PDB file of N, CA and C in Angstrom:
ATOM      1  N   MET A   1     -78.877 -61.042  83.022  1.00  0.00           N
ATOM      2  CA  MET A   1     -77.958 -61.846  83.768  1.00  0.00           C
ATOM      3  C   MET A   1     -76.822 -60.955  84.281  1.00  0.00           C
ATOM      4  N   ILE A   2     -76.400 -61.175  85.512  1.00  0.00           N
ATOM      5  CA  ILE A   2     -75.312 -60.410  86.111  1.00  0.00           C
ATOM      6  C   ILE A   2     -74.017 -61.210  85.993  1.00  0.00           C
ATOM      7  N   PHE A   3     -73.003 -60.548  85.425  1.00  0.00           N
ATOM      8  CA  PHE A   3     -71.682 -61.149  85.265  1.00  0.00           C
ATOM      9  C   PHE A   3     -70.659 -60.327  86.034  1.00  0.00           C
ATOM     10  N   GLU A   4     -69.575 -60.952  86.425  1.00  0.00           N
ATOM     11  CA  GLU A   4     -68.441 -60.253  87.032  1.00  0.00           C
ATOM     12  C   GLU A   4     -67.374 -60.068  85.961  1.00  0.00           C
ATOM     13  N   PHE A   5     -66.854 -58.861  85.816  1.00  0.00           N
ATOM     14  CA  PHE A   5     -65.795 -58.579  84.848  1.00  0.00           C
ATOM     15  C   PHE A   5     -64.527 -59.318  85.247  1.00  0.00           C
ATOM     16  N   THR A   6     -63.918 -59.978  84.259  1.00  0.00           N
ATOM     17  CA  THR A   6     -62.706 -60.770  84.522  1.00  0.00           C
ATOM     18  C   THR A   6     -61.472 -60.188  83.841  1.00  0.00           C
ATOM     19  N   GLY A   7     -61.640 -59.056  83.196  1.00  0.00           N
ATOM     20  CA  GLY A   7     -60.527 -58.441  82.494  1.00  0.00           C
ATOM     21  C   GLY A   7     -60.616 -58.599  80.991  1.00  0.00           C
ATOM     22  N   SER A   8     -61.462 -59.523  80.538  1.00  0.00           N
ATOM     23  CA  SER A   8     -61.567 -59.749  79.093  1.00  0.00           C
ATOM     24  C   SER A   8     -62.996 -59.985  78.611  1.00  0.00           C
ATOM     25  N   ASN A   9     -63.961 -59.923  79.471  1.00  0.00           N
ATOM     26  CA  ASN A   9     -65.340 -60.233  79.071  1.00  0.00           C
ATOM     27  C   ASN A   9     -66.228 -58.989  79.005  1.00  0.00           C
ATOM     28  N   MET A  10     -65.739 -57.914  78.391  1.00  0.00           N
ATOM     29  CA  MET A  10     -66.525 -56.687  78.264  1.00  0.00           C
ATOM     30  C   MET A  10     -67.720 -56.941  77.347  1.00  0.00           C
ATOM     31  N   ILE A  11     -68.828 -56.293  77.640  1.00  0.00           N
ATOM     32  CA  ILE A  11     -70.032 -56.429  76.824  1.00  0.00           C
ATOM     33  C   ILE A  11     -70.180 -55.200  75.931  1.00  0.00           C
ATOM     34  N   ASP A  12     -70.920 -55.343  74.833  1.00  0.00           N
ATOM     35  CA  ASP A  12     -71.176 -54.233  73.903  1.00  0.00           C
ATOM     36  C   ASP A  12     -72.501 -53.547  74.182  1.00  0.00           C
ATOM     37  N   ASN A  13     -73.428 -54.282  74.782  1.00  0.00           N
ATOM     38  CA  ASN A  13     -74.771 -53.779  75.076  1.00  0.00           C
ATOM     39  C   ASN A  13     -75.163 -54.208  76.483  1.00  0.00           C
ATOM     40  N   GLY A  14     -75.706 -53.279  77.244  1.00  0.00           N
ATOM     41  CA  GLY A  14     -76.169 -53.636  78.577  1.00  0.00           C
ATOM     42  C   GLY A  14     -75.858 -52.566  79.599  1.00  0.00           C
ATOM     43  N   LEU A  15     -75.765 -53.011  80.836  1.00  0.00           N
ATOM     44  CA  LEU A  15     -75.548 -52.131  81.969  1.00  0.00           C
ATOM     45  C   LEU A  15     -74.208 -52.456  82.615  1.00  0.00           C
ATOM     46  N   LEU A  16     -73.361 -51.441  82.738  1.00  0.00           N
ATOM     47  CA  LEU A  16     -72.089 -51.586  83.441  1.00  0.00           C
ATOM     48  C   LEU A  16     -72.277 -51.025  84.847  1.00  0.00           C
ATOM     49  N   PHE A  17     -71.849 -51.786  85.835  1.00  0.00           N
ATOM     50  CA  PHE A  17     -71.942 -51.378  87.238  1.00  0.00           C
ATOM     51  C   PHE A  17     -70.531 -51.324  87.797  1.00  0.00           C
ATOM     52  N   PHE A  18     -70.023 -50.114  88.004  1.00  0.00           N
ATOM     53  CA  PHE A  18     -68.685 -49.925  88.549  1.00  0.00           C
ATOM     54  C   PHE A  18     -68.806 -49.812  90.062  1.00  0.00           C
ATOM     55  N   TYR A  19     -68.042 -50.640  90.768  1.00  0.00           N
ATOM     56  CA  TYR A  19     -68.166 -50.709  92.219  1.00  0.00           C
ATOM     57  C   TYR A  19     -66.812 -50.976  92.867  1.00  0.00           C
ATOM     58  N   ALA A  20     -66.796 -50.861  94.176  1.00  0.00           N
ATOM     59  CA  ALA A  20     -65.657 -51.283  94.987  1.00  0.00           C
ATOM     60  C   ALA A  20     -66.210 -52.171  96.089  1.00  0.00           C
ATOM     61  N   SER A  21     -65.576 -53.289  96.317  1.00  0.00           N
ATOM     62  CA  SER A  21     -66.096 -54.257  97.284  1.00  0.00           C
ATOM     63  C   SER A  21     -66.124 -53.704  98.707  1.00  0.00           C
ATOM     64  N   TRP A  22     -65.294 -52.707  99.008  1.00  0.00           N
ATOM     65  CA  TRP A  22     -65.243 -52.130 100.351  1.00  0.00           C
ATOM     66  C   TRP A  22     -66.335 -51.078 100.584  1.00  0.00           C
ATOM     67  N   SER A  23     -67.059 -50.691  99.530  1.00  0.00           N
ATOM     68  CA  SER A  23     -68.061 -49.640  99.640  1.00  0.00           C
ATOM     69  C   SER A  23     -69.416 -50.198 100.062  1.00  0.00           C
ATOM     70  N   SER A  24     -69.944 -49.698 101.179  1.00  0.00           N
ATOM     71  CA  SER A  24     -71.254 -50.166 101.638  1.00  0.00           C
ATOM     72  C   SER A  24     -72.355 -49.763 100.664  1.00  0.00           C
ATOM     73  N   ASN A  25     -72.262 -48.571 100.067  1.00  0.00           N
ATOM     74  CA  ASN A  25     -73.266 -48.154  99.085  1.00  0.00           C
ATOM     75  C   ASN A  25     -73.276 -49.081  97.874  1.00  0.00           C
ATOM     76  N   CYS A  26     -72.107 -49.514  97.430  1.00  0.00           N
ATOM     77  CA  CYS A  26     -72.033 -50.437  96.299  1.00  0.00           C
ATOM     78  C   CYS A  26     -72.662 -51.779  96.663  1.00  0.00           C
ATOM     79  N   ASN A  27     -72.401 -52.249  97.861  1.00  0.00           N
ATOM     80  CA  ASN A  27     -72.965 -53.531  98.282  1.00  0.00           C
ATOM     81  C   ASN A  27     -74.482 -53.466  98.400  1.00  0.00           C
ATOM     82  N   ILE A  28     -75.004 -52.327  98.841  1.00  0.00           N
ATOM     83  CA  ILE A  28     -76.459 -52.148  98.919  1.00  0.00           C
ATOM     84  C   ILE A  28     -77.065 -52.152  97.513  1.00  0.00           C
ATOM     85  N   GLN A  29     -76.368 -51.573  96.546  1.00  0.00           N
ATOM     86  CA  GLN A  29     -76.874 -51.502  95.169  1.00  0.00           C
ATOM     87  C   GLN A  29     -77.042 -52.878  94.527  1.00  0.00           C
ATOM     88  N   LEU A  30     -76.352 -53.876  95.048  1.00  0.00           N
ATOM     89  CA  LEU A  30     -76.493 -55.227  94.485  1.00  0.00           C
ATOM     90  C   LEU A  30     -77.929 -55.733  94.577  1.00  0.00           C
ATOM     91  N   ASP A  31     -78.633 -55.386  95.644  1.00  0.00           N
ATOM     92  CA  ASP A  31     -80.048 -55.773  95.758  1.00  0.00           C
ATOM     93  C   ASP A  31     -80.878 -55.143  94.649  1.00  0.00           C
ATOM     94  N   ALA A  32     -80.612 -53.865  94.352  1.00  0.00           N
ATOM     95  CA  ALA A  32     -81.325 -53.195  93.267  1.00  0.00           C
ATOM     96  C   ALA A  32     -80.998 -53.851  91.924  1.00  0.00           C
ATOM     97  N   LEU A  33     -79.741 -54.230  91.727  1.00  0.00           N
ATOM     98  CA  LEU A  33     -79.356 -54.898  90.476  1.00  0.00           C
ATOM     99  C   LEU A  33     -80.068 -56.234  90.308  1.00  0.00           C
ATOM    100  N   LYS A  34     -80.242 -56.953  91.391  1.00  0.00           N
ATOM    101  CA  LYS A  34     -80.952 -58.239  91.317  1.00  0.00           C
ATOM    102  C   LYS A  34     -82.410 -58.032  90.915  1.00  0.00           C
ATOM    103  N   LYS A  35     -83.024 -56.970  91.386  1.00  0.00           N
ATOM    104  CA  LYS A  35     -84.407 -56.641  91.002  1.00  0.00           C
ATOM    105  C   LYS A  35     -84.463 -56.258  89.529  1.00  0.00           C
ATOM    106  N   ILE A  36     -83.495 -55.453  89.071  1.00  0.00           N
ATOM    107  CA  ILE A  36     -83.436 -55.060  87.664  1.00  0.00           C
ATOM    108  C   ILE A  36     -83.222 -56.291  86.793  1.00  0.00           C
ATOM    109  N   GLU A  37     -82.377 -57.194  87.251  1.00  0.00           N
ATOM    110  CA  GLU A  37     -82.131 -58.438  86.505  1.00  0.00           C
ATOM    111  C   GLU A  37     -83.422 -59.247  86.390  1.00  0.00           C
ATOM    112  N   LYS A  38     -84.169 -59.320  87.467  1.00  0.00           N
ATOM    113  CA  LYS A  38     -85.428 -60.075  87.462  1.00  0.00           C
ATOM    114  C   LYS A  38     -86.451 -59.444  86.514  1.00  0.00           C
ATOM    115  N   ASP A  39     -86.516 -58.105  86.503  1.00  0.00           N
ATOM    116  CA  ASP A  39     -87.472 -57.391  85.661  1.00  0.00           C
ATOM    117  C   ASP A  39     -87.047 -57.331  84.191  1.00  0.00           C
ATOM    118  N   ASN A  40     -85.765 -57.522  83.920  1.00  0.00           N
ATOM    119  CA  ASN A  40     -85.205 -57.424  82.562  1.00  0.00           C
ATOM    120  C   ASN A  40     -84.320 -58.634  82.289  1.00  0.00           C
ATOM    121  N   PRO A  41     -84.905 -59.817  82.127  1.00  0.00           N
ATOM    122  CA  PRO A  41     -84.094 -61.036  82.019  1.00  0.00           C
ATOM    123  C   PRO A  41     -83.151 -61.067  80.816  1.00  0.00           C
ATOM    124  N   ASP A  42     -83.406 -60.252  79.806  1.00  0.00           N
ATOM    125  CA  ASP A  42     -82.528 -60.236  78.633  1.00  0.00           C
ATOM    126  C   ASP A  42     -81.432 -59.170  78.733  1.00  0.00           C
ATOM    127  N   LEU A  43     -81.408 -58.408  79.813  1.00  0.00           N
ATOM    128  CA  LEU A  43     -80.410 -57.357  80.011  1.00  0.00           C
ATOM    129  C   LEU A  43     -79.126 -57.949  80.583  1.00  0.00           C
ATOM    130  N   GLN A  44     -78.004 -57.682  79.928  1.00  0.00           N
ATOM    131  CA  GLN A  44     -76.706 -58.087  80.467  1.00  0.00           C
ATOM    132  C   GLN A  44     -76.229 -57.011  81.424  1.00  0.00           C
ATOM    133  N   ILE A  45     -75.841 -57.427  82.617  1.00  0.00           N
ATOM    134  CA  ILE A  45     -75.319 -56.523  83.632  1.00  0.00           C
ATOM    135  C   ILE A  45     -73.908 -56.986  83.969  1.00  0.00           C
ATOM    136  N   LEU A  46     -72.949 -56.087  83.807  1.00  0.00           N
ATOM    137  CA  LEU A  46     -71.554 -56.425  84.063  1.00  0.00           C
ATOM    138  C   LEU A  46     -71.046 -55.618  85.251  1.00  0.00           C
ATOM    139  N   LYS A  47     -70.663 -56.318  86.315  1.00  0.00           N
ATOM    140  CA  LYS A  47     -70.096 -55.689  87.502  1.00  0.00           C
ATOM    141  C   LYS A  47     -68.584 -55.555  87.304  1.00  0.00           C
ATOM    142  N   ILE A  48     -68.063 -54.335  87.495  1.00  0.00           N
ATOM    143  CA  ILE A  48     -66.639 -54.085  87.306  1.00  0.00           C
ATOM    144  C   ILE A  48     -66.055 -53.511  88.591  1.00  0.00           C
ATOM    145  N   ASN A  49     -65.151 -54.251  89.192  1.00  0.00           N
ATOM    146  CA  ASN A  49     -64.496 -53.837  90.424  1.00  0.00           C
ATOM    147  C   ASN A  49     -63.426 -52.797  90.094  1.00  0.00           C
ATOM    148  N   THR A  50     -63.659 -51.550  90.487  1.00  0.00           N
ATOM    149  CA  THR A  50     -62.749 -50.461  90.124  1.00  0.00           C
ATOM    150  C   THR A  50     -61.413 -50.545  90.862  1.00  0.00           C
ATOM    151  N   THR A  51     -61.378 -51.233  91.969  1.00  0.00           N
ATOM    152  CA  THR A  51     -60.122 -51.407  92.686  1.00  0.00           C
ATOM    153  C   THR A  51     -59.220 -52.390  91.946  1.00  0.00           C
ATOM    154  N   LYS A  52     -59.828 -53.411  91.409  1.00  0.00           N
ATOM    155  CA  LYS A  52     -59.078 -54.464  90.721  1.00  0.00           C
ATOM    156  C   LYS A  52     -58.770 -54.120  89.267  1.00  0.00           C
ATOM    157  N   TYR A  53     -59.680 -53.425  88.590  1.00  0.00           N
ATOM    158  CA  TYR A  53     -59.535 -53.121  87.159  1.00  0.00           C
ATOM    159  C   TYR A  53     -59.509 -51.610  86.927  1.00  0.00           C
ATOM    160  N   ARG A  54     -58.415 -51.016  87.253  1.00  0.00           N
ATOM    161  CA  ARG A  54     -58.255 -49.567  87.134  1.00  0.00           C
ATOM    162  C   ARG A  54     -58.331 -49.089  85.675  1.00  0.00           C
ATOM    163  N   ILE A  55     -57.902 -49.914  84.725  1.00  0.00           N
ATOM    164  CA  ILE A  55     -57.939 -49.522  83.312  1.00  0.00           C
ATOM    165  C   ILE A  55     -59.369 -49.204  82.894  1.00  0.00           C
ATOM    166  N   SER A  56     -60.308 -50.043  83.270  1.00  0.00           N
ATOM    167  CA  SER A  56     -61.715 -49.796  82.943  1.00  0.00           C
ATOM    168  C   SER A  56     -62.218 -48.544  83.648  1.00  0.00           C
ATOM    169  N   LYS A  57     -61.762 -48.329  84.860  1.00  0.00           N
ATOM    170  CA  LYS A  57     -62.157 -47.135  85.609  1.00  0.00           C
ATOM    171  C   LYS A  57     -61.699 -45.879  84.866  1.00  0.00           C
ATOM    172  N   ASP A  58     -60.483 -45.900  84.378  1.00  0.00           N
ATOM    173  CA  ASP A  58     -59.948 -44.754  83.646  1.00  0.00           C
ATOM    174  C   ASP A  58     -60.648 -44.575  82.297  1.00  0.00           C
ATOM    175  N   LYS A  59     -60.867 -45.674  81.591  1.00  0.00           N
ATOM    176  CA  LYS A  59     -61.503 -45.607  80.271  1.00  0.00           C
ATOM    177  C   LYS A  59     -62.886 -44.964  80.335  1.00  0.00           C
ATOM    178  N   TYR A  60     -63.652 -45.294  81.354  1.00  0.00           N
ATOM    179  CA  TYR A  60     -65.020 -44.786  81.477  1.00  0.00           C
ATOM    180  C   TYR A  60     -65.123 -43.567  82.401  1.00  0.00           C
ATOM    181  N   GLN A  61     -63.992 -43.015  82.795  1.00  0.00           N
ATOM    182  CA  GLN A  61     -63.930 -41.822  83.633  1.00  0.00           C
ATOM    183  C   GLN A  61     -64.800 -41.949  84.885  1.00  0.00           C
ATOM    184  N   ILE A  62     -64.525 -42.991  85.644  1.00  0.00           N
ATOM    185  CA  ILE A  62     -65.261 -43.244  86.880  1.00  0.00           C
ATOM    186  C   ILE A  62     -64.590 -42.473  88.010  1.00  0.00           C
ATOM    187  N   HIS A  63     -65.321 -41.504  88.572  1.00  0.00           N
ATOM    188  CA  HIS A  63     -64.802 -40.679  89.656  1.00  0.00           C
ATOM    189  C   HIS A  63     -65.586 -40.873  90.946  1.00  0.00           C
ATOM    190  N   LYS A  64     -66.690 -41.587  90.848  1.00  0.00           N
ATOM    191  CA  LYS A  64     -67.557 -41.815  91.995  1.00  0.00           C
ATOM    192  C   LYS A  64     -68.089 -43.233  91.905  1.00  0.00           C
ATOM    193  N   ILE A  65     -68.191 -43.883  93.042  1.00  0.00           N
ATOM    194  CA  ILE A  65     -68.775 -45.218  93.035  1.00  0.00           C
ATOM    195  C   ILE A  65     -69.973 -45.221  93.971  1.00  0.00           C
ATOM    196  N   PRO A  66     -70.964 -45.993  93.657  1.00  0.00           N
ATOM    197  CA  PRO A  66     -71.109 -46.749  92.411  1.00  0.00           C
ATOM    198  C   PRO A  66     -71.407 -45.830  91.228  1.00  0.00           C
ATOM    199  N   THR A  67     -71.104 -46.318  90.044  1.00  0.00           N
ATOM    200  CA  THR A  67     -71.475 -45.652  88.799  1.00  0.00           C
ATOM    201  C   THR A  67     -72.132 -46.685  87.901  1.00  0.00           C
ATOM    202  N   PHE A  68     -73.197 -46.278  87.250  1.00  0.00           N
ATOM    203  CA  PHE A  68     -73.938 -47.130  86.333  1.00  0.00           C
ATOM    204  C   PHE A  68     -73.870 -46.506  84.944  1.00  0.00           C
ATOM    205  N   ILE A  69     -73.565 -47.324  83.943  1.00  0.00           N
ATOM    206  CA  ILE A  69     -73.499 -46.841  82.569  1.00  0.00           C
ATOM    207  C   ILE A  69     -74.276 -47.806  81.682  1.00  0.00           C
ATOM    208  N   ILE A  70     -75.191 -47.268  80.885  1.00  0.00           N
ATOM    209  CA  ILE A  70     -75.885 -48.078  79.882  1.00  0.00           C
ATOM    210  C   ILE A  70     -75.144 -47.886  78.570  1.00  0.00           C
ATOM    211  N   ILE A  71     -74.766 -48.998  77.958  1.00  0.00           N
ATOM    212  CA  ILE A  71     -74.081 -48.937  76.672  1.00  0.00           C
ATOM    213  C   ILE A  71     -74.885 -49.678  75.618  1.00  0.00           C
ATOM    214  N   ASN A  72     -74.765 -49.195  74.386  1.00  0.00           N
ATOM    215  CA  ASN A  72     -75.403 -49.830  73.237  1.00  0.00           C
ATOM    216  C   ASN A  72     -74.412 -49.725  72.088  1.00  0.00           C
ATOM    217  N   ASP A  73     -74.085 -50.842  71.465  1.00  0.00           N
ATOM    218  CA  ASP A  73     -73.063 -50.887  70.416  1.00  0.00           C
ATOM    219  C   ASP A  73     -71.773 -50.232  70.889  1.00  0.00           C
ATOM    220  N   ASN A  74     -71.430 -50.492  72.147  1.00  0.00           N
ATOM    221  CA  ASN A  74     -70.189 -50.022  72.761  1.00  0.00           C
ATOM    222  C   ASN A  74     -70.138 -48.493  72.926  1.00  0.00           C
ATOM    223  N   LYS A  75     -71.285 -47.831  72.854  1.00  0.00           N
ATOM    224  CA  LYS A  75     -71.364 -46.389  73.050  1.00  0.00           C
ATOM    225  C   LYS A  75     -72.166 -46.100  74.313  1.00  0.00           C
ATOM    226  N   ILE A  76     -71.721 -45.106  75.051  1.00  0.00           N
ATOM    227  CA  ILE A  76     -72.426 -44.729  76.273  1.00  0.00           C
ATOM    228  C   ILE A  76     -73.733 -44.029  75.913  1.00  0.00           C
ATOM    229  N   ILE A  77     -74.822 -44.574  76.407  1.00  0.00           N
ATOM    230  CA  ILE A  77     -76.151 -44.003  76.186  1.00  0.00           C
ATOM    231  C   ILE A  77     -76.514 -43.066  77.346  1.00  0.00           C
ATOM    232  N   SER A  78     -76.209 -43.521  78.565  1.00  0.00           N
ATOM    233  CA  SER A  78     -76.518 -42.735  79.751  1.00  0.00           C
ATOM    234  C   SER A  78     -75.687 -43.251  80.912  1.00  0.00           C
ATOM    235  N   ARG A  79     -75.507 -42.390  81.910  1.00  0.00           N
ATOM    236  CA  ARG A  79     -74.791 -42.803  83.116  1.00  0.00           C
ATOM    237  C   ARG A  79     -75.426 -42.160  84.339  1.00  0.00           C
ATOM    238  N   MET A  80     -75.258 -42.852  85.460  1.00  0.00           N
ATOM    239  CA  MET A  80     -75.693 -42.345  86.765  1.00  0.00           C
ATOM    240  C   MET A  80     -74.532 -42.563  87.723  1.00  0.00           C
ATOM    241  N   ASP A  81     -74.148 -41.519  88.417  1.00  0.00           N
ATOM    242  CA  ASP A  81     -73.046 -41.597  89.369  1.00  0.00           C
ATOM    243  C   ASP A  81     -73.582 -41.528  90.787  1.00  0.00           C
ATOM    244  N   GLY A  82     -73.050 -42.376  91.647  1.00  0.00           N
ATOM    245  CA  GLY A  82     -73.425 -42.362  93.050  1.00  0.00           C
ATOM    246  C   GLY A  82     -74.597 -43.272  93.371  1.00  0.00           C
ATOM    247  N   TYR A  83     -74.860 -43.401  94.648  1.00  0.00           N
ATOM    248  CA  TYR A  83     -75.933 -44.272  95.132  1.00  0.00           C
ATOM    249  C   TYR A  83     -77.292 -43.780  94.650  1.00  0.00           C
ATOM    250  N   LYS A  84     -78.114 -44.714  94.183  1.00  0.00           N
ATOM    251  CA  LYS A  84     -79.489 -44.420  93.769  1.00  0.00           C
ATOM    252  C   LYS A  84     -80.419 -45.455  94.406  1.00  0.00           C
ATOM    253  N   ASP A  85     -81.614 -45.019  94.780  1.00  0.00           N
ATOM    254  CA  ASP A  85     -82.570 -45.982  95.314  1.00  0.00           C
ATOM    255  C   ASP A  85     -83.038 -46.912  94.190  1.00  0.00           C
ATOM    256  N   ARG A  86     -83.568 -48.050  94.566  1.00  0.00           N
ATOM    257  CA  ARG A  86     -83.951 -49.097  93.611  1.00  0.00           C
ATOM    258  C   ARG A  86     -84.950 -48.590  92.575  1.00  0.00           C
ATOM    259  N   ILE A  87     -85.919 -47.811  92.983  1.00  0.00           N
ATOM    260  CA  ILE A  87     -86.952 -47.329  92.058  1.00  0.00           C
ATOM    261  C   ILE A  87     -86.346 -46.373  91.030  1.00  0.00           C
ATOM    262  N   SER A  88     -85.523 -45.445  91.489  1.00  0.00           N
ATOM    263  CA  SER A  88     -84.875 -44.503  90.561  1.00  0.00           C
ATOM    264  C   SER A  88     -83.998 -45.247  89.564  1.00  0.00           C
ATOM    265  N   LEU A  89     -83.265 -46.213  90.049  1.00  0.00           N
ATOM    266  CA  LEU A  89     -82.387 -46.993  89.180  1.00  0.00           C
ATOM    267  C   LEU A  89     -83.199 -47.798  88.166  1.00  0.00           C
ATOM    268  N   SER A  90     -84.271 -48.428  88.596  1.00  0.00           N
ATOM    269  CA  SER A  90     -85.136 -49.197  87.691  1.00  0.00           C
ATOM    270  C   SER A  90     -85.763 -48.312  86.622  1.00  0.00           C
ATOM    271  N   ASN A  91     -86.253 -47.147  87.035  1.00  0.00           N
ATOM    272  CA  ASN A  91     -86.861 -46.215  86.078  1.00  0.00           C
ATOM    273  C   ASN A  91     -85.846 -45.721  85.057  1.00  0.00           C
ATOM    274  N   TRP A  92     -84.629 -45.468  85.503  1.00  0.00           N
ATOM    275  CA  TRP A  92     -83.557 -45.020  84.601  1.00  0.00           C
ATOM    276  C   TRP A  92     -83.232 -46.096  83.570  1.00  0.00           C
ATOM    277  N   VAL A  93     -83.145 -47.345  84.011  1.00  0.00           N
ATOM    278  CA  VAL A  93     -82.869 -48.451  83.079  1.00  0.00           C
ATOM    279  C   VAL A  93     -83.979 -48.546  82.043  1.00  0.00           C
ATOM    280  N   LYS A  94     -85.217 -48.484  82.472  1.00  0.00           N
ATOM    281  CA  LYS A  94     -86.347 -48.556  81.538  1.00  0.00           C
ATOM    282  C   LYS A  94     -86.309 -47.421  80.517  1.00  0.00           C
ATOM    283  N   LYS A  95     -85.938 -46.234  80.961  1.00  0.00           N
ATOM    284  CA  LYS A  95     -85.920 -45.064  80.086  1.00  0.00           C
ATOM    285  C   LYS A  95     -84.852 -45.152  79.015  1.00  0.00           C
ATOM    286  N   TYR A  96     -83.653 -45.611  79.376  1.00  0.00           N
ATOM    287  CA  TYR A  96     -82.525 -45.549  78.440  1.00  0.00           C
ATOM    288  C   TYR A  96     -82.155 -46.861  77.762  1.00  0.00           C
ATOM    289  N   ARG A  97     -82.812 -47.896  78.122  1.00  0.00           N
ATOM    290  CA  ARG A  97     -82.520 -49.188  77.528  1.00  0.00           C
ATOM    291  C   ARG A  97     -83.045 -49.259  76.106  1.00  0.00           C
ATOM    292  N   SER A  98     -82.235 -49.792  75.226  1.00  0.00           N
ATOM    293  CA  SER A  98     -82.691 -49.885  73.834  1.00  0.00           C
ATOM    294  C   SER A  98     -83.388 -51.196  73.571  1.00  0.00           C
TER     295      SER A  98
END
């Protein structure tokens, strides 16, 4: 399921998607996220707007958008920075998902 970060609904396990609403690459990645959501119905996906929530951007050292981070028990398992095609992103999720 895809959720929008509201400032207090951080997840402990799942996929974090750091984006900016003004970025065309981030908006294109939403289609890939919907496919990942469909293929992994039990995966929590949290979209975090880096323009609106700078604290989260700083905490996770986000220097490029979009950035994807897989977390497990609140620990970073893997990250991907920058635009990725849907297949690469799907394969990465499958590889690092616990």
